[in-house]
Amino acid sequence: MEELLEPFVSSPDIVKALITFLLSCLPIVELRVAIPAGALLGLPVLTSAAVSVFGNILPVPFIILFMRRILAWMRKRSALLERAAIRLELKARSKSDMLYRSEIVGLLIFVAIPLPGTGAWSGALIAAVLGIRVKAAFPAITAGVIIAGIAVTGITYGFRSLLSA
């Protein structure tokens, strides 16, 4: 990852923040990669964390609102897209088992764990597939992203940096 970011190390902080923001908006990558990328670029701890959390949260309402329509459209277009849509739905449903009893608290915990396969995109997909409304899902996912952001920032920059920031 250092090789990819090396050309931007001498860039102005606004460019570094934009790169960090865009990385955090991407599925799979999210803030788990964006915060360490911000650190490699030399961003201050609060800038890297805040930009990453905001970028990670930004796509969530759109995913919840439009994912079911997108999956329905995919099923109608072609067999290949239909298989991809089915795979996404099955993945979301398999991860939703832990959310069955308390959807909102489960969603928060699921998103807060900064491991591969968890995060805002997966949480929003689960919320969409389960039909959880944006009003209920968005605050839980946001809280989960903030908790994950604190954890990843602490691991990346050191937890002492959070106390002195």
C-alpha atoms as a PDB file:
ATOM      1  CA  MET A   1       0.000   0.000   0.000  1.00  0.00           C
ATOM      2  CA  GLU A   2       2.918   2.329   0.688  1.00  0.00           C
ATOM      3  CA  GLU A   3       3.998   2.166  -2.962  1.00  0.00           C
ATOM      4  CA  LEU A   4       0.537   3.245  -4.128  1.00  0.00           C
ATOM      5  CA  LEU A   5       0.448   6.203  -1.755  1.00  0.00           C
ATOM      6  CA  GLU A   6       4.070   7.315  -2.143  1.00  0.00           C
ATOM      7  CA  PRO A   7       3.408   9.817  -4.983  1.00  0.00           C
ATOM      8  CA  PHE A   8       0.916  11.632  -2.742  1.00  0.00           C
ATOM      9  CA  VAL A   9       3.041  11.937   0.414  1.00  0.00           C
ATOM     10  CA  SER A  10       4.342  15.362  -0.619  1.00  0.00           C
ATOM     11  CA  SER A  11       0.870  16.567  -1.693  1.00  0.00           C
ATOM     12  CA  PRO A  12      -1.040  19.228   0.226  1.00  0.00           C
ATOM     13  CA  ASP A  13      -3.107  17.997   3.163  1.00  0.00           C
ATOM     14  CA  ILE A  14      -6.350  18.627   1.259  1.00  0.00           C
ATOM     15  CA  VAL A  15      -5.286  16.103  -1.409  1.00  0.00           C
ATOM     16  CA  LYS A  16      -4.284  13.598   1.276  1.00  0.00           C
ATOM     17  CA  ALA A  17      -7.626  14.097   3.007  1.00  0.00           C
ATOM     18  CA  LEU A  18      -9.488  13.636  -0.298  1.00  0.00           C
ATOM     19  CA  ILE A  19      -7.635  10.371  -0.993  1.00  0.00           C
ATOM     20  CA  THR A  20      -8.428   9.158   2.523  1.00  0.00           C
ATOM     21  CA  PHE A  21     -12.071  10.181   2.118  1.00  0.00           C
ATOM     22  CA  LEU A  22     -12.447   8.399  -1.235  1.00  0.00           C
ATOM     23  CA  LEU A  23     -10.843   5.222   0.123  1.00  0.00           C
ATOM     24  CA  SER A  24     -13.256   5.204   3.055  1.00  0.00           C
ATOM     25  CA  CYS A  25     -16.243   5.422   0.688  1.00  0.00           C
ATOM     26  CA  LEU A  26     -15.278   2.193  -1.094  1.00  0.00           C
ATOM     27  CA  PRO A  27     -16.820  -1.164  -0.163  1.00  0.00           C
ATOM     28  CA  ILE A  28     -14.526  -3.709   1.501  1.00  0.00           C
ATOM     29  CA  VAL A  29     -11.808  -1.039   1.932  1.00  0.00           C
ATOM     30  CA  GLU A  30     -13.856   1.368   4.083  1.00  0.00           C
ATOM     31  CA  LEU A  31     -12.148   2.990   7.058  1.00  0.00           C
ATOM     32  CA  ARG A  32     -10.160  -0.146   7.889  1.00  0.00           C
ATOM     33  CA  VAL A  33      -7.798   0.846   5.070  1.00  0.00           C
ATOM     34  CA  ALA A  34      -8.523   4.582   4.850  1.00  0.00           C
ATOM     35  CA  ILE A  35      -7.275   5.453   8.348  1.00  0.00           C
ATOM     36  CA  PRO A  36      -3.937   3.624   7.930  1.00  0.00           C
ATOM     37  CA  ALA A  37      -3.644   5.217   4.471  1.00  0.00           C
ATOM     38  CA  GLY A  38      -4.167   8.636   6.057  1.00  0.00           C
ATOM     39  CA  ALA A  39      -1.427   7.813   8.551  1.00  0.00           C
ATOM     40  CA  LEU A  40       0.942   6.741   5.760  1.00  0.00           C
ATOM     41  CA  LEU A  41       0.183   9.986   3.952  1.00  0.00           C
ATOM     42  CA  GLY A  42       1.086  11.921   7.084  1.00  0.00           C
ATOM     43  CA  LEU A  43      -2.358  13.228   7.993  1.00  0.00           C
ATOM     44  CA  PRO A  44      -2.925  14.278  11.602  1.00  0.00           C
ATOM     45  CA  VAL A  45      -4.830  11.714  13.671  1.00  0.00           C
ATOM     46  CA  LEU A  46      -8.082  13.695  13.959  1.00  0.00           C
ATOM     47  CA  THR A  47      -8.142  14.597  10.271  1.00  0.00           C
ATOM     48  CA  SER A  48      -7.591  11.021   9.177  1.00  0.00           C
ATOM     49  CA  ALA A  49     -10.216   9.661  11.576  1.00  0.00           C
ATOM     50  CA  ALA A  50     -12.867  12.305  10.893  1.00  0.00           C
ATOM     51  CA  VAL A  51     -12.514  12.193   7.111  1.00  0.00           C
ATOM     52  CA  SER A  52     -12.583   8.385   7.135  1.00  0.00           C
ATOM     53  CA  VAL A  53     -15.632   8.120   9.383  1.00  0.00           C
ATOM     54  CA  PHE A  54     -17.550  10.685   7.320  1.00  0.00           C
ATOM     55  CA  GLY A  55     -16.598   9.005   4.037  1.00  0.00           C
ATOM     56  CA  ASN A  56     -17.583   5.594   5.386  1.00  0.00           C
ATOM     57  CA  ILE A  57     -20.992   6.832   6.555  1.00  0.00           C
ATOM     58  CA  LEU A  58     -21.838   8.816   3.416  1.00  0.00           C
ATOM     59  CA  PRO A  59     -22.982   5.901   1.169  1.00  0.00           C
ATOM     60  CA  VAL A  60     -25.060   4.188   3.900  1.00  0.00           C
ATOM     61  CA  PRO A  61     -28.481   5.832   3.382  1.00  0.00           C
ATOM     62  CA  PHE A  62     -28.211   5.383  -0.382  1.00  0.00           C
ATOM     63  CA  ILE A  63     -27.369   1.696   0.007  1.00  0.00           C
ATOM     64  CA  ILE A  64     -30.317   1.140   2.342  1.00  0.00           C
ATOM     65  CA  LEU A  65     -32.733   3.091   0.139  1.00  0.00           C
ATOM     66  CA  PHE A  66     -31.729   1.713  -3.248  1.00  0.00           C
ATOM     67  CA  MET A  67     -30.137  -1.723  -2.742  1.00  0.00           C
ATOM     68  CA  ARG A  68     -33.380  -3.685  -2.963  1.00  0.00           C
ATOM     69  CA  ARG A  69     -34.226  -1.941  -6.248  1.00  0.00           C
ATOM     70  CA  ILE A  70     -30.726  -2.540  -7.577  1.00  0.00           C
ATOM     71  CA  LEU A  71     -30.901  -6.237  -6.674  1.00  0.00           C
ATOM     72  CA  ALA A  72     -34.337  -6.531  -8.343  1.00  0.00           C
ATOM     73  CA  TRP A  73     -32.966  -4.809 -11.463  1.00  0.00           C
ATOM     74  CA  MET A  74     -29.954  -7.156 -11.483  1.00  0.00           C
ATOM     75  CA  ARG A  75     -32.234 -10.217 -11.313  1.00  0.00           C
ATOM     76  CA  LYS A  76     -34.111  -9.051 -14.432  1.00  0.00           C
ATOM     77  CA  ARG A  77     -31.089  -8.107 -16.565  1.00  0.00           C
ATOM     78  CA  SER A  78     -29.127 -11.313 -17.060  1.00  0.00           C
ATOM     79  CA  ALA A  79     -28.362 -14.677 -15.549  1.00  0.00           C
ATOM     80  CA  LEU A  80     -24.912 -13.479 -14.492  1.00  0.00           C
ATOM     81  CA  LEU A  81     -26.297 -10.430 -12.684  1.00  0.00           C
ATOM     82  CA  GLU A  82     -29.060 -12.550 -11.182  1.00  0.00           C
ATOM     83  CA  ARG A  83     -26.467 -14.931  -9.694  1.00  0.00           C
ATOM     84  CA  ALA A  84     -24.528 -11.947  -8.295  1.00  0.00           C
ATOM     85  CA  ALA A  85     -27.717 -10.517  -6.760  1.00  0.00           C
ATOM     86  CA  ILE A  86     -28.588 -13.860  -5.200  1.00  0.00           C
ATOM     87  CA  ARG A  87     -25.053 -14.177  -3.806  1.00  0.00           C
ATOM     88  CA  LEU A  88     -25.278 -10.707  -2.252  1.00  0.00           C
ATOM     89  CA  GLU A  89     -28.665 -11.463  -0.702  1.00  0.00           C
ATOM     90  CA  LEU A  90     -27.490 -14.811   0.650  1.00  0.00           C
ATOM     91  CA  LYS A  91     -24.378 -13.196   2.122  1.00  0.00           C
ATOM     92  CA  ALA A  92     -26.476 -10.505   3.780  1.00  0.00           C
ATOM     93  CA  ARG A  93     -28.966 -13.049   5.131  1.00  0.00           C
ATOM     94  CA  SER A  94     -26.198 -15.295   6.464  1.00  0.00           C
ATOM     95  CA  LYS A  95     -24.704 -12.373   8.364  1.00  0.00           C
ATOM     96  CA  SER A  96     -28.141 -11.283   9.561  1.00  0.00           C
ATOM     97  CA  ASP A  97     -28.559 -14.355  11.798  1.00  0.00           C
ATOM     98  CA  MET A  98     -26.742 -12.570  14.611  1.00  0.00           C
ATOM     99  CA  LEU A  99     -29.106  -9.602  14.213  1.00  0.00           C
ATOM    100  CA  TYR A 100     -32.314 -11.590  14.578  1.00  0.00           C
ATOM    101  CA  ARG A 101     -33.175 -10.798  18.196  1.00  0.00           C
ATOM    102  CA  SER A 102     -32.250  -7.161  18.409  1.00  0.00           C
ATOM    103  CA  GLU A 103     -31.796  -5.852  14.903  1.00  0.00           C
ATOM    104  CA  ILE A 104     -30.586  -2.370  15.778  1.00  0.00           C
ATOM    105  CA  VAL A 105     -28.137  -3.322  18.549  1.00  0.00           C
ATOM    106  CA  GLY A 106     -26.947  -6.264  16.460  1.00  0.00           C
ATOM    107  CA  LEU A 107     -26.430  -3.988  13.474  1.00  0.00           C
ATOM    108  CA  LEU A 108     -24.391  -1.560  15.588  1.00  0.00           C
ATOM    109  CA  ILE A 109     -22.196  -4.353  16.965  1.00  0.00           C
ATOM    110  CA  PHE A 110     -21.778  -5.945  13.537  1.00  0.00           C
ATOM    111  CA  VAL A 111     -20.598  -2.673  11.979  1.00  0.00           C
ATOM    112  CA  ALA A 112     -18.407  -1.756  14.972  1.00  0.00           C
ATOM    113  CA  ILE A 113     -16.220  -4.851  14.604  1.00  0.00           C
ATOM    114  CA  PRO A 114     -13.456  -3.766  12.194  1.00  0.00           C
ATOM    115  CA  LEU A 115     -12.939  -7.108  10.478  1.00  0.00           C
ATOM    116  CA  PRO A 116     -13.231  -8.107   6.817  1.00  0.00           C
ATOM    117  CA  GLY A 117     -16.857  -8.675   5.855  1.00  0.00           C
ATOM    118  CA  THR A 118     -18.215  -6.319   8.476  1.00  0.00           C
ATOM    119  CA  GLY A 119     -18.612  -2.573   8.231  1.00  0.00           C
ATOM    120  CA  ALA A 120     -20.963   0.083   6.941  1.00  0.00           C
ATOM    121  CA  TRP A 121     -21.487  -1.393   3.474  1.00  0.00           C
ATOM    122  CA  SER A 122     -22.283  -4.869   4.792  1.00  0.00           C
ATOM    123  CA  GLY A 123     -24.448  -3.427   7.562  1.00  0.00           C
ATOM    124  CA  ALA A 124     -26.381  -1.292   5.082  1.00  0.00           C
ATOM    125  CA  LEU A 125     -26.819  -4.288   2.769  1.00  0.00           C
ATOM    126  CA  ILE A 126     -28.161  -6.345   5.665  1.00  0.00           C
ATOM    127  CA  ALA A 127     -30.514  -3.524   6.659  1.00  0.00           C
ATOM    128  CA  ALA A 128     -31.773  -3.253   3.073  1.00  0.00           C
ATOM    129  CA  VAL A 129     -32.323  -6.995   2.669  1.00  0.00           C
ATOM    130  CA  LEU A 130     -34.080  -7.245   6.045  1.00  0.00           C
ATOM    131  CA  GLY A 131     -36.216  -4.198   5.274  1.00  0.00           C
ATOM    132  CA  ILE A 132     -34.944  -2.160   8.241  1.00  0.00           C
ATOM    133  CA  ARG A 133     -35.892   1.478   7.657  1.00  0.00           C
ATOM    134  CA  VAL A 134     -33.219   4.137   7.200  1.00  0.00           C
ATOM    135  CA  LYS A 135     -34.492   5.981  10.297  1.00  0.00           C
ATOM    136  CA  ALA A 136     -33.632   2.973  12.455  1.00  0.00           C
ATOM    137  CA  ALA A 137     -30.593   1.589  10.627  1.00  0.00           C
ATOM    138  CA  PHE A 138     -28.652   4.794   9.920  1.00  0.00           C
ATOM    139  CA  PRO A 139     -28.027   5.806  13.569  1.00  0.00           C
ATOM    140  CA  ALA A 140     -26.963   2.251  14.469  1.00  0.00           C
ATOM    141  CA  ILE A 141     -24.608   1.989  11.498  1.00  0.00           C
ATOM    142  CA  THR A 142     -23.228   5.478  12.208  1.00  0.00           C
ATOM    143  CA  ALA A 143     -22.519   4.554  15.838  1.00  0.00           C
ATOM    144  CA  GLY A 144     -20.868   1.320  14.672  1.00  0.00           C
ATOM    145  CA  VAL A 145     -18.690   3.209  12.186  1.00  0.00           C
ATOM    146  CA  ILE A 146     -17.622   5.671  14.893  1.00  0.00           C
ATOM    147  CA  ILE A 147     -16.687   2.811  17.249  1.00  0.00           C
ATOM    148  CA  ALA A 148     -14.792   1.033  14.453  1.00  0.00           C
ATOM    149  CA  GLY A 149     -13.104   4.338  13.579  1.00  0.00           C
ATOM    150  CA  ILE A 150     -11.925   4.780  17.167  1.00  0.00           C
ATOM    151  CA  ALA A 151     -10.597   1.213  17.220  1.00  0.00           C
ATOM    152  CA  VAL A 152      -8.781   1.464  13.872  1.00  0.00           C
ATOM    153  CA  THR A 153      -7.414   4.920  14.722  1.00  0.00           C
ATOM    154  CA  GLY A 154      -6.161   3.633  18.068  1.00  0.00           C
ATOM    155  CA  ILE A 155      -4.509   0.646  16.434  1.00  0.00           C
ATOM    156  CA  THR A 156      -3.015   2.780  13.650  1.00  0.00           C
ATOM    157  CA  TYR A 157      -1.835   5.858  15.521  1.00  0.00           C
ATOM    158  CA  GLY A 158      -1.703   4.411  19.029  1.00  0.00           C
ATOM    159  CA  PHE A 159      -4.400   4.817  21.651  1.00  0.00           C
ATOM    160  CA  ARG A 160      -2.381   7.499  23.433  1.00  0.00           C
ATOM    161  CA  SER A 161      -2.698   9.691  20.354  1.00  0.00           C
ATOM    162  CA  LEU A 162      -6.465   9.643  20.822  1.00  0.00           C
ATOM    163  CA  LEU A 163      -6.115  10.956  24.351  1.00  0.00           C
ATOM    164  CA  SER A 164      -3.759  13.767  23.369  1.00  0.00           C
ATOM    165  CA  ALA A 165      -5.673  14.789  20.236  1.00  0.00           C
END
